Amino acid sequence: MKRIGLAVLMGMSLVAGSVYADNHAFEFSNEVKQGEQRPGFTNKVIVKTATFTVGAVAVQEEIKPHRHNDGAHVLYVVSGGGTMTHGDKTITLKPGMIVHVPAGVAHGIKAAGADLTLVDFAQPPFDPNKMEWIK
């Protein structure tokens, strides 16, 4: 129950800032289908402000290991399942989970079966050009 409260508080604090979007409410299942295709996953920025972004991510196969040295992410698992490498740990992902990824922590995600969908809260705003891919 504490995790749900945390997710609600995070969402409320994020929406309190100015939103550079035409809409203020989104149907996640529609947004995640409109994501930009990348190798193994799609990503659609739903909300973008000067200080954060909220994205809809669908992992069909995997998001290869990488890190964001410029900021942190909080991921909320909407549907599907899989695993996530998080530093030197492996986390089993399932709907309803929240995972915090601090700046600089190497991480990667593999879907198990059907698409794994996530809401990605990133601060500062997500910039794909600042991702450091790990070989």
C-alpha atoms as a PDB file:
ATOM      1  CA  MET A   1       0.000   0.000   0.000  1.00  0.00           C
ATOM      2  CA  LYS A   2       2.910   2.356   0.730  1.00  0.00           C
ATOM      3  CA  ARG A   3       4.199   1.882  -2.843  1.00  0.00           C
ATOM      4  CA  ILE A   4       0.854   2.841  -4.363  1.00  0.00           C
ATOM      5  CA  GLY A   5       0.789   5.951  -2.174  1.00  0.00           C
ATOM      6  CA  LEU A   6       4.318   6.792  -3.291  1.00  0.00           C
ATOM      7  CA  ALA A   7       3.341   6.429  -6.952  1.00  0.00           C
ATOM      8  CA  VAL A   8       0.314   8.695  -6.446  1.00  0.00           C
ATOM      9  CA  LEU A   9       2.400  11.306  -4.616  1.00  0.00           C
ATOM     10  CA  MET A  10       5.060  11.227  -7.336  1.00  0.00           C
ATOM     11  CA  GLY A  11       2.442  11.644 -10.022  1.00  0.00           C
ATOM     12  CA  MET A  12       0.758  14.511  -8.151  1.00  0.00           C
ATOM     13  CA  SER A  13       4.047  16.319  -7.646  1.00  0.00           C
ATOM     14  CA  LEU A  14       4.951  15.857 -11.301  1.00  0.00           C
ATOM     15  CA  VAL A  15       1.650  17.220 -12.544  1.00  0.00           C
ATOM     16  CA  ALA A  16       1.931  20.242 -10.283  1.00  0.00           C
ATOM     17  CA  GLY A  17       4.610  21.708 -12.581  1.00  0.00           C
ATOM     18  CA  SER A  18       3.810  23.306 -15.913  1.00  0.00           C
ATOM     19  CA  VAL A  19       3.095  20.696 -18.538  1.00  0.00           C
ATOM     20  CA  TYR A  20       4.138  21.281 -22.147  1.00  0.00           C
ATOM     21  CA  ALA A  21       1.455  19.065 -23.622  1.00  0.00           C
ATOM     22  CA  ASP A  22      -1.914  19.622 -25.249  1.00  0.00           C
ATOM     23  CA  ASN A  23      -3.633  17.182 -22.914  1.00  0.00           C
ATOM     24  CA  HIS A  24      -3.673  16.799 -19.169  1.00  0.00           C
ATOM     25  CA  ALA A  25      -5.046  13.250 -19.101  1.00  0.00           C
ATOM     26  CA  PHE A  26      -3.822  10.291 -21.116  1.00  0.00           C
ATOM     27  CA  GLU A  27      -4.976   6.769 -21.884  1.00  0.00           C
ATOM     28  CA  PHE A  28      -1.779   4.820 -21.260  1.00  0.00           C
ATOM     29  CA  SER A  29      -2.714   1.854 -23.483  1.00  0.00           C
ATOM     30  CA  ASN A  30      -3.113   4.226 -26.458  1.00  0.00           C
ATOM     31  CA  GLU A  31       0.027   6.250 -25.738  1.00  0.00           C
ATOM     32  CA  VAL A  32       2.311   3.232 -25.357  1.00  0.00           C
ATOM     33  CA  LYS A  33       1.257   2.004 -28.842  1.00  0.00           C
ATOM     34  CA  GLN A  34       2.456   5.288 -30.388  1.00  0.00           C
ATOM     35  CA  GLY A  35       6.023   5.076 -29.130  1.00  0.00           C
ATOM     36  CA  GLU A  36       9.116   5.661 -31.241  1.00  0.00           C
ATOM     37  CA  GLN A  37      10.552   2.297 -32.267  1.00  0.00           C
ATOM     38  CA  ARG A  38      14.020   1.524 -30.938  1.00  0.00           C
ATOM     39  CA  PRO A  39      15.907  -1.796 -30.960  1.00  0.00           C
ATOM     40  CA  GLY A  40      13.760  -4.120 -28.780  1.00  0.00           C
ATOM     41  CA  PHE A  41      11.409  -1.466 -27.338  1.00  0.00           C
ATOM     42  CA  THR A  42       9.307   1.646 -27.988  1.00  0.00           C
ATOM     43  CA  ASN A  43       9.310   4.920 -26.054  1.00  0.00           C
ATOM     44  CA  LYS A  44       6.779   7.756 -26.148  1.00  0.00           C
ATOM     45  CA  VAL A  45       7.261  10.903 -24.097  1.00  0.00           C
ATOM     46  CA  ILE A  46       3.773  11.742 -22.818  1.00  0.00           C
ATOM     47  CA  VAL A  47       4.531  14.724 -20.581  1.00  0.00           C
ATOM     48  CA  LYS A  48       7.566  16.982 -20.851  1.00  0.00           C
ATOM     49  CA  THR A  49       8.355  19.925 -18.627  1.00  0.00           C
ATOM     50  CA  ALA A  50      11.533  21.874 -18.010  1.00  0.00           C
ATOM     51  CA  THR A  51      12.350  19.591 -15.047  1.00  0.00           C
ATOM     52  CA  PHE A  52      11.026  16.085 -15.850  1.00  0.00           C
ATOM     53  CA  THR A  53       9.448  13.758 -18.415  1.00  0.00           C
ATOM     54  CA  VAL A  54       6.891  10.983 -18.139  1.00  0.00           C
ATOM     55  CA  GLY A  55       7.155   8.305 -20.802  1.00  0.00           C
ATOM     56  CA  ALA A  56       5.292   5.211 -21.943  1.00  0.00           C
ATOM     57  CA  VAL A  57       7.665   2.323 -22.677  1.00  0.00           C
ATOM     58  CA  ALA A  58       6.864  -1.056 -24.256  1.00  0.00           C
ATOM     59  CA  VAL A  59       9.625  -3.650 -24.113  1.00  0.00           C
ATOM     60  CA  GLN A  60       9.099  -6.287 -26.798  1.00  0.00           C
ATOM     61  CA  GLU A  61      12.465  -7.989 -26.299  1.00  0.00           C
ATOM     62  CA  GLU A  62      14.932  -6.008 -24.226  1.00  0.00           C
ATOM     63  CA  ILE A  63      16.471  -2.680 -23.440  1.00  0.00           C
ATOM     64  CA  LYS A  64      20.201  -3.349 -23.516  1.00  0.00           C
ATOM     65  CA  PRO A  65      22.298  -2.388 -20.460  1.00  0.00           C
ATOM     66  CA  HIS A  66      22.901   1.346 -20.175  1.00  0.00           C
ATOM     67  CA  ARG A  67      23.103   4.178 -17.661  1.00  0.00           C
ATOM     68  CA  HIS A  68      21.916   7.764 -17.366  1.00  0.00           C
ATOM     69  CA  ASN A  69      24.642   9.846 -15.744  1.00  0.00           C
ATOM     70  CA  ASP A  70      22.532  13.001 -15.972  1.00  0.00           C
ATOM     71  CA  GLY A  71      19.609  11.933 -13.777  1.00  0.00           C
ATOM     72  CA  ALA A  72      17.375   9.355 -12.127  1.00  0.00           C
ATOM     73  CA  HIS A  73      14.401   7.325 -13.310  1.00  0.00           C
ATOM     74  CA  VAL A  74      11.454   5.840 -11.466  1.00  0.00           C
ATOM     75  CA  LEU A  75       9.754   3.015 -13.357  1.00  0.00           C
ATOM     76  CA  TYR A  76       6.213   1.783 -12.717  1.00  0.00           C
ATOM     77  CA  VAL A  77       5.397  -1.622 -14.236  1.00  0.00           C
ATOM     78  CA  VAL A  78       1.941  -1.457 -15.848  1.00  0.00           C
ATOM     79  CA  SER A  79       1.697  -4.877 -17.506  1.00  0.00           C
ATOM     80  CA  GLY A  80       3.680  -7.940 -18.468  1.00  0.00           C
ATOM     81  CA  GLY A  81       6.740  -9.239 -16.724  1.00  0.00           C
ATOM     82  CA  GLY A  82      10.436  -9.716 -17.092  1.00  0.00           C
ATOM     83  CA  THR A  83      13.732  -9.075 -15.389  1.00  0.00           C
ATOM     84  CA  MET A  84      15.848  -6.020 -14.799  1.00  0.00           C
ATOM     85  CA  THR A  85      19.546  -5.839 -14.103  1.00  0.00           C
ATOM     86  CA  HIS A  86      20.050  -3.025 -11.615  1.00  0.00           C
ATOM     87  CA  GLY A  87      23.711  -2.526 -10.815  1.00  0.00           C
ATOM     88  CA  ASP A  88      24.865  -5.979  -9.687  1.00  0.00           C
ATOM     89  CA  LYS A  89      21.338  -7.210  -8.811  1.00  0.00           C
ATOM     90  CA  THR A  90      18.593  -8.868 -10.854  1.00  0.00           C
ATOM     91  CA  ILE A  91      15.002  -7.820 -10.137  1.00  0.00           C
ATOM     92  CA  THR A  92      11.951  -9.791 -11.282  1.00  0.00           C
ATOM     93  CA  LEU A  93       9.435  -7.299 -12.697  1.00  0.00           C
ATOM     94  CA  LYS A  94       5.666  -7.694 -12.374  1.00  0.00           C
ATOM     95  CA  PRO A  95       2.674  -5.334 -12.640  1.00  0.00           C
ATOM     96  CA  GLY A  96       2.367  -2.812  -9.837  1.00  0.00           C
ATOM     97  CA  MET A  97       6.085  -2.643  -9.035  1.00  0.00           C
ATOM     98  CA  ILE A  98       8.010   0.612  -8.702  1.00  0.00           C
ATOM     99  CA  VAL A  99      11.767   0.616  -9.315  1.00  0.00           C
ATOM    100  CA  HIS A 100      14.045   3.581  -8.587  1.00  0.00           C
ATOM    101  CA  VAL A 101      17.142   3.855 -10.792  1.00  0.00           C
ATOM    102  CA  PRO A 102      19.529   6.487  -9.393  1.00  0.00           C
ATOM    103  CA  ALA A 103      21.758   8.486 -11.741  1.00  0.00           C
ATOM    104  CA  GLY A 104      24.745   6.491 -12.944  1.00  0.00           C
ATOM    105  CA  VAL A 105      23.389   3.014 -12.076  1.00  0.00           C
ATOM    106  CA  ALA A 106      23.763   0.531 -14.953  1.00  0.00           C
ATOM    107  CA  HIS A 107      20.486  -1.186 -15.824  1.00  0.00           C
ATOM    108  CA  GLY A 108      18.809  -3.220 -18.559  1.00  0.00           C
ATOM    109  CA  ILE A 109      15.385  -4.821 -18.987  1.00  0.00           C
ATOM    110  CA  LYS A 110      14.277  -8.083 -20.622  1.00  0.00           C
ATOM    111  CA  ALA A 111      10.624  -8.879 -21.300  1.00  0.00           C
ATOM    112  CA  ALA A 112       9.261 -12.347 -20.614  1.00  0.00           C
ATOM    113  CA  GLY A 113       6.528 -13.307 -23.070  1.00  0.00           C
ATOM    114  CA  ALA A 114       4.151 -10.496 -24.032  1.00  0.00           C
ATOM    115  CA  ASP A 115       5.132  -6.824 -24.042  1.00  0.00           C
ATOM    116  CA  LEU A 116       6.319  -5.433 -20.746  1.00  0.00           C
ATOM    117  CA  THR A 117       4.898  -1.908 -20.382  1.00  0.00           C
ATOM    118  CA  LEU A 118       6.260   0.753 -18.045  1.00  0.00           C
ATOM    119  CA  VAL A 119       5.657   4.342 -17.056  1.00  0.00           C
ATOM    120  CA  ASP A 120       9.047   6.077 -16.893  1.00  0.00           C
ATOM    121  CA  PHE A 121       9.375   9.171 -14.681  1.00  0.00           C
ATOM    122  CA  ALA A 122      12.718  10.851 -15.481  1.00  0.00           C
ATOM    123  CA  GLN A 123      14.321  13.845 -13.826  1.00  0.00           C
ATOM    124  CA  PRO A 124      15.863  15.821 -15.472  1.00  0.00           C
ATOM    125  CA  PRO A 125      13.930  15.291 -18.730  1.00  0.00           C
ATOM    126  CA  PHE A 126      14.851  12.092 -20.562  1.00  0.00           C
ATOM    127  CA  ASP A 127      17.355  12.700 -23.353  1.00  0.00           C
ATOM    128  CA  PRO A 128      18.144   9.588 -25.451  1.00  0.00           C
ATOM    129  CA  ASN A 129      21.379  11.230 -26.607  1.00  0.00           C
ATOM    130  CA  LYS A 130      22.687  11.143 -23.036  1.00  0.00           C
ATOM    131  CA  MET A 131      22.232   7.384 -22.585  1.00  0.00           C
ATOM    132  CA  GLU A 132      25.542   5.579 -22.133  1.00  0.00           C
ATOM    133  CA  TRP A 133      25.242   2.075 -23.646  1.00  0.00           C
ATOM    134  CA  ILE A 134      27.283  -0.608 -21.895  1.00  0.00           C
ATOM    135  CA  LYS A 135      28.909  -3.304 -24.028  1.00  0.00           C
END
